[in-house]
């Protein structure tokens, strides 16, 4: 069963508290996981940022919405309990509690209206859609979509640039990632080889304790096993044990399977990965805005989940 959205988690959380006792977010997480038969893998699934579990995020927001509607209340040290209003709601035996259901409570409507009345929000700021996604999920999905669009633009530009610029781009990326020592060293080590590509040997680290054979091809067609196999063979002549093969297109499944079964260590970087590395390393892109998302420091307050 898919991980429940945060609205679907509201009723199980409220039912958990019907005993009138204090409960923790961890207990709410377990209650929702049991209710929806979440597997261990689903419990541990992370948001795209990799910083928080998706289920934990959704349960946390479900509890927040219940609290804003006055159905549960905080009781200090990260614990919460049901309110008389929450008990009254359960007595009505609701089959679902969601944002629409909560609109009957004035406190919730005040909370929901805050985003419309924020004085610092620019007039053109988009509102969070009424959906089953938490604000973090909406933010992260928007961020990932921006990255996907930027990656597509990068690849289009790379494929349109001349070979010498492509050589410069590869050198800049390798240096930004910590390879090749200085840019001068890397530029001397990596040279053009024709065939819309470049190759060369570059230091694996600043001290040059090991070397990596580099080959990069600005291609549109899929790179097949024969090309990768020839690259593996060229490592012998270059006295290199490690290699990186970069392309602006992609690799066939046979090519990827081949590098898994050979002694030499070869890393295949396709166009999608190339664009990702450029974005992460700040090569060919510029920063427009930075958003820092913060959360309550439970350790500071000595709270327990």
C-alpha atoms as a PDB file:
ATOM      1  CA  UNK A   1       0.000   0.000   0.000  1.00  0.00           C
ATOM      2  CA  UNK A   2       1.414   3.469  -0.910  1.00  0.00           C
ATOM      3  CA  UNK A   3       2.545   5.785   1.876  1.00  0.00           C
ATOM      4  CA  UNK A   4      -0.546   7.701   3.064  1.00  0.00           C
ATOM      5  CA  UNK A   5      -0.723  11.391   2.289  1.00  0.00           C
ATOM      6  CA  UNK A   6      -0.700  13.716   5.283  1.00  0.00           C
ATOM      7  CA  UNK A   7      -4.463  14.285   5.178  1.00  0.00           C
ATOM      8  CA  UNK A   8      -5.151  10.547   5.315  1.00  0.00           C
ATOM      9  CA  UNK A   9      -2.947  10.362   8.413  1.00  0.00           C
ATOM     10  CA  UNK A  10      -5.101  12.800  10.401  1.00  0.00           C
ATOM     11  CA  UNK A  11      -7.863  10.414  11.512  1.00  0.00           C
ATOM     12  CA  UNK A  12      -5.510   7.592  12.668  1.00  0.00           C
ATOM     13  CA  UNK A  13      -3.539  10.123  14.727  1.00  0.00           C
ATOM     14  CA  UNK A  14      -6.684  11.485  16.368  1.00  0.00           C
ATOM     15  CA  UNK A  15      -7.855   7.944  17.119  1.00  0.00           C
ATOM     16  CA  UNK A  16      -4.508   7.238  18.771  1.00  0.00           C
ATOM     17  CA  UNK A  17      -5.160  10.023  21.269  1.00  0.00           C
ATOM     18  CA  UNK A  18      -8.730   9.063  22.152  1.00  0.00           C
ATOM     19  CA  UNK A  19      -7.463   7.424  25.358  1.00  0.00           C
ATOM     20  CA  UNK A  20      -6.795  10.929  26.710  1.00  0.00           C
ATOM     21  CA  UNK A  21      -3.127  10.163  27.415  1.00  0.00           C
ATOM     22  CA  UNK A  22      -0.063  12.046  26.224  1.00  0.00           C
ATOM     23  CA  UNK A  23       1.481  10.718  23.025  1.00  0.00           C
ATOM     24  CA  UNK A  24       4.653  11.369  21.022  1.00  0.00           C
ATOM     25  CA  UNK A  25       5.170  11.897  17.321  1.00  0.00           C
ATOM     26  CA  UNK A  26       6.957   8.555  17.240  1.00  0.00           C
ATOM     27  CA  UNK A  27       3.826   6.833  18.541  1.00  0.00           C
ATOM     28  CA  UNK A  28       1.758   8.636  15.915  1.00  0.00           C
ATOM     29  CA  UNK A  29       4.187   7.473  13.252  1.00  0.00           C
ATOM     30  CA  UNK A  30       3.796   3.858  14.362  1.00  0.00           C
ATOM     31  CA  UNK A  31      -0.006   4.166  14.486  1.00  0.00           C
ATOM     32  CA  UNK A  32      -0.184   5.492  10.924  1.00  0.00           C
ATOM     33  CA  UNK A  33       2.297   2.894   9.665  1.00  0.00           C
ATOM     34  CA  UNK A  34       0.241   0.083  11.200  1.00  0.00           C
ATOM     35  CA  UNK A  35      -3.050   1.548   9.934  1.00  0.00           C
ATOM     36  CA  UNK A  36      -1.798   1.605   6.343  1.00  0.00           C
ATOM     37  CA  UNK A  37       0.372  -1.535   6.592  1.00  0.00           C
ATOM     38  CA  UNK A  38       3.520   0.382   5.644  1.00  0.00           C
ATOM     39  CA  UNK A  39       6.535  -1.801   4.948  1.00  0.00           C
ATOM     40  CA  UNK A  40       9.932  -1.139   6.491  1.00  0.00           C
ATOM     41  CA  UNK A  41      11.079   0.224   3.141  1.00  0.00           C
ATOM     42  CA  UNK A  42       8.113   2.617   3.018  1.00  0.00           C
ATOM     43  CA  UNK A  43       8.756   3.728   6.602  1.00  0.00           C
ATOM     44  CA  UNK A  44      12.333   4.634   5.696  1.00  0.00           C
ATOM     45  CA  UNK A  45      11.664   6.255   2.319  1.00  0.00           C
ATOM     46  CA  UNK A  46      13.330   9.670   2.209  1.00  0.00           C
ATOM     47  CA  UNK A  47      12.314  12.962   0.665  1.00  0.00           C
ATOM     48  CA  UNK A  48      14.387  13.924  -2.411  1.00  0.00           C
ATOM     49  CA  UNK A  49      16.731  15.948  -0.203  1.00  0.00           C
ATOM     50  CA  UNK A  50      17.563  12.798   1.766  1.00  0.00           C
ATOM     51  CA  UNK A  51      17.265  14.702   5.054  1.00  0.00           C
ATOM     52  CA  UNK A  52      13.942  13.451   6.347  1.00  0.00           C
ATOM     53  CA  UNK A  53      11.755  10.390   6.047  1.00  0.00           C
ATOM     54  CA  UNK A  54       8.678  11.022   3.921  1.00  0.00           C
ATOM     55  CA  UNK A  55       6.289   9.275   6.332  1.00  0.00           C
ATOM     56  CA  UNK A  56       7.719  11.183   9.308  1.00  0.00           C
ATOM     57  CA  UNK A  57       7.222  14.448   7.428  1.00  0.00           C
ATOM     58  CA  UNK A  58       3.606  13.662   6.582  1.00  0.00           C
ATOM     59  CA  UNK A  59       2.695  12.510  10.083  1.00  0.00           C
ATOM     60  CA  UNK A  60       4.271  15.649  11.541  1.00  0.00           C
ATOM     61  CA  UNK A  61       2.184  17.893   9.301  1.00  0.00           C
ATOM     62  CA  UNK A  62      -0.991  15.907   9.997  1.00  0.00           C
ATOM     63  CA  UNK A  63      -0.471  16.459  13.710  1.00  0.00           C
ATOM     64  CA  UNK A  64       0.178  20.165  13.115  1.00  0.00           C
ATOM     65  CA  UNK A  65      -3.090  20.597  11.227  1.00  0.00           C
ATOM     66  CA  UNK A  66      -5.028  18.763  13.933  1.00  0.00           C
ATOM     67  CA  UNK A  67      -3.451  21.015  16.527  1.00  0.00           C
ATOM     68  CA  UNK A  68      -4.246  24.185  14.567  1.00  0.00           C
ATOM     69  CA  UNK A  69      -7.886  23.057  14.394  1.00  0.00           C
ATOM     70  CA  UNK A  70      -7.972  22.543  18.162  1.00  0.00           C
ATOM     71  CA  UNK A  71      -8.481  18.763  18.014  1.00  0.00           C
ATOM     72  CA  UNK A  72      -5.218  18.004  19.817  1.00  0.00           C
ATOM     73  CA  UNK A  73      -3.001  20.176  21.997  1.00  0.00           C
ATOM     74  CA  UNK A  74       0.681  20.237  22.869  1.00  0.00           C
ATOM     75  CA  UNK A  75       1.559  19.182  26.390  1.00  0.00           C
ATOM     76  CA  UNK A  76       5.257  20.041  26.529  1.00  0.00           C
ATOM     77  CA  UNK A  77       8.394  17.972  25.791  1.00  0.00           C
ATOM     78  CA  UNK A  78       7.205  16.985  22.340  1.00  0.00           C
ATOM     79  CA  UNK A  79       3.999  15.354  23.528  1.00  0.00           C
ATOM     80  CA  UNK A  80       0.385  16.028  22.606  1.00  0.00           C
ATOM     81  CA  UNK A  81      -3.076  14.861  23.658  1.00  0.00           C
ATOM     82  CA  UNK A  82      -6.662  15.059  22.509  1.00  0.00           C
ATOM     83  CA  UNK A  83      -8.900  18.015  23.400  1.00  0.00           C
ATOM     84  CA  UNK A  84     -12.609  17.977  24.264  1.00  0.00           C
ATOM     85  CA  UNK A  85     -13.249  19.144  20.706  1.00  0.00           C
ATOM     86  CA  UNK A  86     -11.236  16.225  19.368  1.00  0.00           C
ATOM     87  CA  UNK A  87     -13.248  13.799  21.524  1.00  0.00           C
ATOM     88  CA  UNK A  88     -16.444  15.329  20.195  1.00  0.00           C
ATOM     89  CA  UNK A  89     -15.261  14.871  16.614  1.00  0.00           C
ATOM     90  CA  UNK A  90     -14.501  11.188  17.203  1.00  0.00           C
ATOM     91  CA  UNK A  91     -17.929  10.669  18.725  1.00  0.00           C
ATOM     92  CA  UNK A  92     -19.362  11.646  15.352  1.00  0.00           C
ATOM     93  CA  UNK A  93     -17.518   8.623  13.870  1.00  0.00           C
ATOM     94  CA  UNK A  94     -15.970  10.457  10.877  1.00  0.00           C
ATOM     95  CA  UNK A  95     -14.713   8.274   8.032  1.00  0.00           C
ATOM     96  CA  UNK A  96     -12.057  10.821   7.077  1.00  0.00           C
ATOM     97  CA  UNK A  97     -10.539  14.002   8.454  1.00  0.00           C
ATOM     98  CA  UNK A  98      -8.894  16.321   5.959  1.00  0.00           C
ATOM     99  CA  UNK A  99      -8.351  20.013   5.294  1.00  0.00           C
ATOM    100  CA  UNK A 100     -11.910  20.447   4.040  1.00  0.00           C
ATOM    101  CA  UNK A 101     -13.241  18.829   7.235  1.00  0.00           C
ATOM    102  CA  UNK A 102     -11.139  21.162   9.383  1.00  0.00           C
ATOM    103  CA  UNK A 103     -12.614  24.279   7.773  1.00  0.00           C
ATOM    104  CA  UNK A 104     -15.536  24.050  10.230  1.00  0.00           C
ATOM    105  CA  UNK A 105     -13.192  25.233  12.999  1.00  0.00           C
ATOM    106  CA  UNK A 106     -12.415  28.996  13.192  1.00  0.00           C
ATOM    107  CA  UNK A 107      -8.883  28.481  14.547  1.00  0.00           C
ATOM    108  CA  UNK A 108      -7.957  26.381  11.538  1.00  0.00           C
ATOM    109  CA  UNK A 109      -9.292  28.988   9.114  1.00  0.00           C
ATOM    110  CA  UNK A 110      -7.166  31.658  10.807  1.00  0.00           C
ATOM    111  CA  UNK A 111      -4.121  29.418  10.384  1.00  0.00           C
ATOM    112  CA  UNK A 112      -4.967  28.653   6.742  1.00  0.00           C
ATOM    113  CA  UNK A 113      -5.421  32.356   5.982  1.00  0.00           C
ATOM    114  CA  UNK A 114      -1.953  33.316   7.234  1.00  0.00           C
ATOM    115  CA  UNK A 115      -0.285  32.514   3.939  1.00  0.00           C
ATOM    116  CA  UNK A 116      -2.686  34.876   2.166  1.00  0.00           C
ATOM    117  CA  UNK A 117      -2.045  37.763   4.557  1.00  0.00           C
ATOM    118  CA  UNK A 118       1.741  37.472   5.000  1.00  0.00           C
ATOM    119  CA  UNK A 119       2.961  41.108   4.738  1.00  0.00           C
ATOM    120  CA  UNK A 120       6.408  40.153   3.435  1.00  0.00           C
ATOM    121  CA  UNK A 121       5.157  37.930   0.634  1.00  0.00           C
ATOM    122  CA  UNK A 122       5.608  39.438  -2.850  1.00  0.00           C
ATOM    123  CA  UNK A 123       2.359  40.024  -4.755  1.00  0.00           C
ATOM    124  CA  UNK A 124       3.282  37.404  -7.333  1.00  0.00           C
ATOM    125  CA  UNK A 125       4.191  34.695  -4.800  1.00  0.00           C
ATOM    126  CA  UNK A 126       2.306  31.482  -5.712  1.00  0.00           C
ATOM    127  CA  UNK A 127       0.080  29.943  -3.078  1.00  0.00           C
ATOM    128  CA  UNK A 128       0.695  26.412  -1.914  1.00  0.00           C
ATOM    129  CA  UNK A 129      -1.794  24.229  -3.754  1.00  0.00           C
ATOM    130  CA  UNK A 130      -4.476  22.432  -1.810  1.00  0.00           C
ATOM    131  CA  UNK A 131      -3.139  18.943  -2.302  1.00  0.00           C
ATOM    132  CA  UNK A 132      -2.138  15.803  -0.486  1.00  0.00           C
ATOM    133  CA  UNK A 133       1.488  16.928  -0.349  1.00  0.00           C
ATOM    134  CA  UNK A 134       3.112  18.617   2.612  1.00  0.00           C
ATOM    135  CA  UNK A 135       4.782  22.045   2.135  1.00  0.00           C
ATOM    136  CA  UNK A 136       8.213  20.372   2.178  1.00  0.00           C
ATOM    137  CA  UNK A 137       7.157  17.954  -0.544  1.00  0.00           C
ATOM    138  CA  UNK A 138       5.776  20.778  -2.694  1.00  0.00           C
ATOM    139  CA  UNK A 139       9.006  22.736  -2.205  1.00  0.00           C
ATOM    140  CA  UNK A 140      11.259  19.777  -2.957  1.00  0.00           C
ATOM    141  CA  UNK A 141       9.317  18.697  -6.028  1.00  0.00           C
ATOM    142  CA  UNK A 142       9.443  22.259  -7.352  1.00  0.00           C
ATOM    143  CA  UNK A 143      13.193  22.308  -6.695  1.00  0.00           C
ATOM    144  CA  UNK A 144      13.705  19.009  -8.510  1.00  0.00           C
ATOM    145  CA  UNK A 145      11.657  20.258 -11.460  1.00  0.00           C
ATOM    146  CA  UNK A 146      13.829  23.379 -11.659  1.00  0.00           C
ATOM    147  CA  UNK A 147      16.919  21.147 -11.656  1.00  0.00           C
ATOM    148  CA  UNK A 148      15.479  18.984 -14.438  1.00  0.00           C
ATOM    149  CA  UNK A 149      14.786  22.012 -16.607  1.00  0.00           C
ATOM    150  CA  UNK A 150      18.236  23.452 -15.942  1.00  0.00           C
ATOM    151  CA  UNK A 151      19.849  20.101 -16.794  1.00  0.00           C
ATOM    152  CA  UNK A 152      18.012  20.017 -20.122  1.00  0.00           C
ATOM    153  CA  UNK A 153      19.181  23.546 -20.932  1.00  0.00           C
ATOM    154  CA  UNK A 154      22.762  22.651 -20.026  1.00  0.00           C
ATOM    155  CA  UNK A 155      22.804  19.620 -22.322  1.00  0.00           C
ATOM    156  CA  UNK A 156      21.357  21.615 -25.209  1.00  0.00           C
ATOM    157  CA  UNK A 157      24.084  24.229 -24.808  1.00  0.00           C
ATOM    158  CA  UNK A 158      26.850  21.627 -24.469  1.00  0.00           C
ATOM    159  CA  UNK A 159      25.801  19.840 -27.651  1.00  0.00           C
ATOM    160  CA  UNK A 160      25.756  23.149 -29.528  1.00  0.00           C
ATOM    161  CA  UNK A 161      29.188  24.347 -28.358  1.00  0.00           C
ATOM    162  CA  UNK A 162      32.409  23.799 -30.317  1.00  0.00           C
ATOM    163  CA  UNK A 163      34.883  21.011 -29.382  1.00  0.00           C
ATOM    164  CA  UNK A 164      37.376  23.374 -27.737  1.00  0.00           C
ATOM    165  CA  UNK A 165      34.724  24.748 -25.408  1.00  0.00           C
ATOM    166  CA  UNK A 166      33.699  21.192 -24.580  1.00  0.00           C
ATOM    167  CA  UNK A 167      37.306  20.452 -23.635  1.00  0.00           C
ATOM    168  CA  UNK A 168      37.344  23.495 -21.339  1.00  0.00           C
ATOM    169  CA  UNK A 169      34.043  22.442 -19.774  1.00  0.00           C
ATOM    170  CA  UNK A 170      35.315  18.949 -18.947  1.00  0.00           C
ATOM    171  CA  UNK A 171      38.517  20.349 -17.433  1.00  0.00           C
ATOM    172  CA  UNK A 172      36.584  22.888 -15.356  1.00  0.00           C
ATOM    173  CA  UNK A 173      34.256  20.168 -14.075  1.00  0.00           C
ATOM    174  CA  UNK A 174      37.074  17.790 -13.146  1.00  0.00           C
ATOM    175  CA  UNK A 175      38.940  20.505 -11.254  1.00  0.00           C
ATOM    176  CA  UNK A 176      35.750  21.596  -9.483  1.00  0.00           C
ATOM    177  CA  UNK A 177      35.257  17.984  -8.386  1.00  0.00           C
ATOM    178  CA  UNK A 178      38.790  17.851  -6.942  1.00  0.00           C
ATOM    179  CA  UNK A 179      40.653  16.097  -9.765  1.00  0.00           C
ATOM    180  CA  UNK A 180      43.683  17.238 -11.708  1.00  0.00           C
ATOM    181  CA  UNK A 181      45.345  19.496  -9.171  1.00  0.00           C
ATOM    182  CA  UNK A 182      45.351  22.990 -10.689  1.00  0.00           C
ATOM    183  CA  UNK A 183      43.414  23.979 -13.765  1.00  0.00           C
ATOM    184  CA  UNK A 184      46.692  24.392 -15.624  1.00  0.00           C
ATOM    185  CA  UNK A 185      47.708  20.823 -14.754  1.00  0.00           C
ATOM    186  CA  UNK A 186      44.327  19.466 -15.794  1.00  0.00           C
ATOM    187  CA  UNK A 187      44.296  21.481 -19.018  1.00  0.00           C
ATOM    188  CA  UNK A 188      47.695  20.082 -20.013  1.00  0.00           C
ATOM    189  CA  UNK A 189      46.653  16.533 -19.185  1.00  0.00           C
ATOM    190  CA  UNK A 190      43.379  16.554 -21.103  1.00  0.00           C
ATOM    191  CA  UNK A 191      43.588  17.212 -24.847  1.00  0.00           C
ATOM    192  CA  UNK A 192      41.500  16.829 -27.962  1.00  0.00           C
ATOM    193  CA  UNK A 193      41.317  13.475 -29.726  1.00  0.00           C
ATOM    194  CA  UNK A 194      38.917  14.241 -32.576  1.00  0.00           C
ATOM    195  CA  UNK A 195      35.710  12.341 -33.233  1.00  0.00           C
ATOM    196  CA  UNK A 196      33.780  15.025 -31.338  1.00  0.00           C
ATOM    197  CA  UNK A 197      35.537  13.958 -28.163  1.00  0.00           C
ATOM    198  CA  UNK A 198      38.528  14.509 -25.905  1.00  0.00           C
ATOM    199  CA  UNK A 199      40.756  12.214 -23.913  1.00  0.00           C
ATOM    200  CA  UNK A 200      43.728  12.284 -21.630  1.00  0.00           C
ATOM    201  CA  UNK A 201      45.159  11.307 -18.273  1.00  0.00           C
ATOM    202  CA  UNK A 202      44.455  13.325 -15.175  1.00  0.00           C
ATOM    203  CA  UNK A 203      45.568  13.147 -11.544  1.00  0.00           C
ATOM    204  CA  UNK A 204      43.080  11.479  -9.216  1.00  0.00           C
ATOM    205  CA  UNK A 205      44.109  13.851  -6.425  1.00  0.00           C
ATOM    206  CA  UNK A 206      46.264  16.921  -5.923  1.00  0.00           C
ATOM    207  CA  UNK A 207      49.309  14.817  -5.013  1.00  0.00           C
ATOM    208  CA  UNK A 208      49.035  12.669  -8.098  1.00  0.00           C
ATOM    209  CA  UNK A 209      49.100   9.397  -6.135  1.00  0.00           C
ATOM    210  CA  UNK A 210      47.056   7.783  -8.913  1.00  0.00           C
ATOM    211  CA  UNK A 211      45.863   8.694 -12.385  1.00  0.00           C
ATOM    212  CA  UNK A 212      42.536   8.398 -14.167  1.00  0.00           C
ATOM    213  CA  UNK A 213      42.115   8.018 -17.909  1.00  0.00           C
ATOM    214  CA  UNK A 214      39.421  10.373 -19.203  1.00  0.00           C
ATOM    215  CA  UNK A 215      37.454  10.139 -22.416  1.00  0.00           C
ATOM    216  CA  UNK A 216      34.547  12.454 -23.192  1.00  0.00           C
ATOM    217  CA  UNK A 217      32.368  12.333 -26.284  1.00  0.00           C
ATOM    218  CA  UNK A 218      29.930  15.024 -27.316  1.00  0.00           C
ATOM    219  CA  UNK A 219      27.575  12.616 -29.017  1.00  0.00           C
ATOM    220  CA  UNK A 220      23.855  12.441 -29.705  1.00  0.00           C
ATOM    221  CA  UNK A 221      23.735   8.699 -30.337  1.00  0.00           C
ATOM    222  CA  UNK A 222      23.719   6.066 -27.600  1.00  0.00           C
ATOM    223  CA  UNK A 223      27.187   4.816 -26.644  1.00  0.00           C
ATOM    224  CA  UNK A 224      27.276   1.044 -27.057  1.00  0.00           C
ATOM    225  CA  UNK A 225      29.413  -1.731 -25.646  1.00  0.00           C
ATOM    226  CA  UNK A 226      32.045  -1.671 -28.462  1.00  0.00           C
ATOM    227  CA  UNK A 227      32.987   1.927 -27.614  1.00  0.00           C
ATOM    228  CA  UNK A 228      33.197   1.164 -23.903  1.00  0.00           C
ATOM    229  CA  UNK A 229      35.154  -2.025 -24.586  1.00  0.00           C
ATOM    230  CA  UNK A 230      37.654  -0.092 -26.722  1.00  0.00           C
ATOM    231  CA  UNK A 231      37.989   2.455 -23.930  1.00  0.00           C
ATOM    232  CA  UNK A 232      38.740  -0.334 -21.444  1.00  0.00           C
ATOM    233  CA  UNK A 233      41.429  -1.650 -23.773  1.00  0.00           C
ATOM    234  CA  UNK A 234      43.035   1.781 -24.063  1.00  0.00           C
ATOM    235  CA  UNK A 235      43.580   1.854 -20.296  1.00  0.00           C
ATOM    236  CA  UNK A 236      46.327  -0.744 -20.742  1.00  0.00           C
ATOM    237  CA  UNK A 237      48.259   1.464 -23.129  1.00  0.00           C
ATOM    238  CA  UNK A 238      47.914   4.423 -20.791  1.00  0.00           C
ATOM    239  CA  UNK A 239      49.015   2.388 -17.746  1.00  0.00           C
ATOM    240  CA  UNK A 240      45.804   3.414 -16.006  1.00  0.00           C
ATOM    241  CA  UNK A 241      43.668   1.216 -13.773  1.00  0.00           C
ATOM    242  CA  UNK A 242      40.783   3.651 -13.548  1.00  0.00           C
ATOM    243  CA  UNK A 243      38.793   5.408 -16.213  1.00  0.00           C
ATOM    244  CA  UNK A 244      35.906   7.818 -16.659  1.00  0.00           C
ATOM    245  CA  UNK A 245      33.909   7.820 -19.870  1.00  0.00           C
ATOM    246  CA  UNK A 246      31.693  10.874 -20.306  1.00  0.00           C
ATOM    247  CA  UNK A 247      29.053  11.394 -22.967  1.00  0.00           C
ATOM    248  CA  UNK A 248      26.386  13.977 -23.641  1.00  0.00           C
ATOM    249  CA  UNK A 249      24.004  11.177 -24.702  1.00  0.00           C
ATOM    250  CA  UNK A 250      23.527   7.891 -22.836  1.00  0.00           C
ATOM    251  CA  UNK A 251      24.881   4.338 -22.605  1.00  0.00           C
ATOM    252  CA  UNK A 252      23.254   1.131 -23.737  1.00  0.00           C
ATOM    253  CA  UNK A 253      22.344  -1.507 -21.171  1.00  0.00           C
ATOM    254  CA  UNK A 254      25.010  -3.798 -22.651  1.00  0.00           C
ATOM    255  CA  UNK A 255      27.627  -1.089 -22.110  1.00  0.00           C
ATOM    256  CA  UNK A 256      26.625  -0.629 -18.476  1.00  0.00           C
ATOM    257  CA  UNK A 257      26.581  -4.381 -17.866  1.00  0.00           C
ATOM    258  CA  UNK A 258      30.047  -4.726 -19.414  1.00  0.00           C
ATOM    259  CA  UNK A 259      31.796  -2.393 -16.933  1.00  0.00           C
ATOM    260  CA  UNK A 260      30.306  -4.350 -14.026  1.00  0.00           C
ATOM    261  CA  UNK A 261      32.157  -7.504 -15.021  1.00  0.00           C
ATOM    262  CA  UNK A 262      35.678  -6.296 -15.781  1.00  0.00           C
ATOM    263  CA  UNK A 263      38.661  -5.887 -13.494  1.00  0.00           C
ATOM    264  CA  UNK A 264      39.332  -2.255 -14.363  1.00  0.00           C
ATOM    265  CA  UNK A 265      37.284   0.407 -12.601  1.00  0.00           C
ATOM    266  CA  UNK A 266      35.363   2.403 -15.205  1.00  0.00           C
ATOM    267  CA  UNK A 267      32.748   5.010 -14.353  1.00  0.00           C
ATOM    268  CA  UNK A 268      30.193   5.873 -17.034  1.00  0.00           C
ATOM    269  CA  UNK A 269      28.755   9.394 -16.937  1.00  0.00           C
ATOM    270  CA  UNK A 270      25.839  10.015 -19.288  1.00  0.00           C
ATOM    271  CA  UNK A 271      24.328  13.361 -20.229  1.00  0.00           C
ATOM    272  CA  UNK A 272      21.922  13.414 -17.307  1.00  0.00           C
ATOM    273  CA  UNK A 273      24.701  12.709 -14.804  1.00  0.00           C
ATOM    274  CA  UNK A 274      27.012  15.208 -16.518  1.00  0.00           C
ATOM    275  CA  UNK A 275      24.418  17.957 -16.099  1.00  0.00           C
ATOM    276  CA  UNK A 276      23.830  16.951 -12.464  1.00  0.00           C
ATOM    277  CA  UNK A 277      27.543  17.110 -11.680  1.00  0.00           C
ATOM    278  CA  UNK A 278      27.819  20.521 -13.329  1.00  0.00           C
ATOM    279  CA  UNK A 279      24.911  21.857 -11.267  1.00  0.00           C
ATOM    280  CA  UNK A 280      26.256  20.396  -8.016  1.00  0.00           C
ATOM    281  CA  UNK A 281      29.791  21.645  -8.734  1.00  0.00           C
ATOM    282  CA  UNK A 282      28.695  25.114  -9.870  1.00  0.00           C
ATOM    283  CA  UNK A 283      30.100  24.764 -13.398  1.00  0.00           C
ATOM    284  CA  UNK A 284      28.224  26.602 -16.131  1.00  0.00           C
ATOM    285  CA  UNK A 285      25.492  27.711 -13.730  1.00  0.00           C
ATOM    286  CA  UNK A 286      24.996  30.668 -11.425  1.00  0.00           C
ATOM    287  CA  UNK A 287      23.094  30.973  -8.167  1.00  0.00           C
ATOM    288  CA  UNK A 288      19.878  32.967  -8.356  1.00  0.00           C
ATOM    289  CA  UNK A 289      18.386  32.490  -4.882  1.00  0.00           C
ATOM    290  CA  UNK A 290      18.956  30.447  -1.738  1.00  0.00           C
ATOM    291  CA  UNK A 291      16.187  29.259   0.582  1.00  0.00           C
ATOM    292  CA  UNK A 292      17.042  27.867   4.002  1.00  0.00           C
ATOM    293  CA  UNK A 293      14.372  25.684   5.582  1.00  0.00           C
ATOM    294  CA  UNK A 294      14.674  25.343   9.354  1.00  0.00           C
ATOM    295  CA  UNK A 295      12.908  23.157  11.893  1.00  0.00           C
ATOM    296  CA  UNK A 296      12.505  23.163  15.641  1.00  0.00           C
ATOM    297  CA  UNK A 297      15.614  21.931  17.488  1.00  0.00           C
ATOM    298  CA  UNK A 298      14.137  19.324  19.826  1.00  0.00           C
ATOM    299  CA  UNK A 299      17.535  18.707  21.434  1.00  0.00           C
ATOM    300  CA  UNK A 300      17.716  22.366  22.464  1.00  0.00           C
ATOM    301  CA  UNK A 301      14.425  22.113  24.321  1.00  0.00           C
ATOM    302  CA  UNK A 302      15.151  18.615  25.643  1.00  0.00           C
ATOM    303  CA  UNK A 303      12.047  17.229  23.929  1.00  0.00           C
ATOM    304  CA  UNK A 304      11.488  13.601  23.094  1.00  0.00           C
ATOM    305  CA  UNK A 305       9.681  12.485  19.981  1.00  0.00           C
END
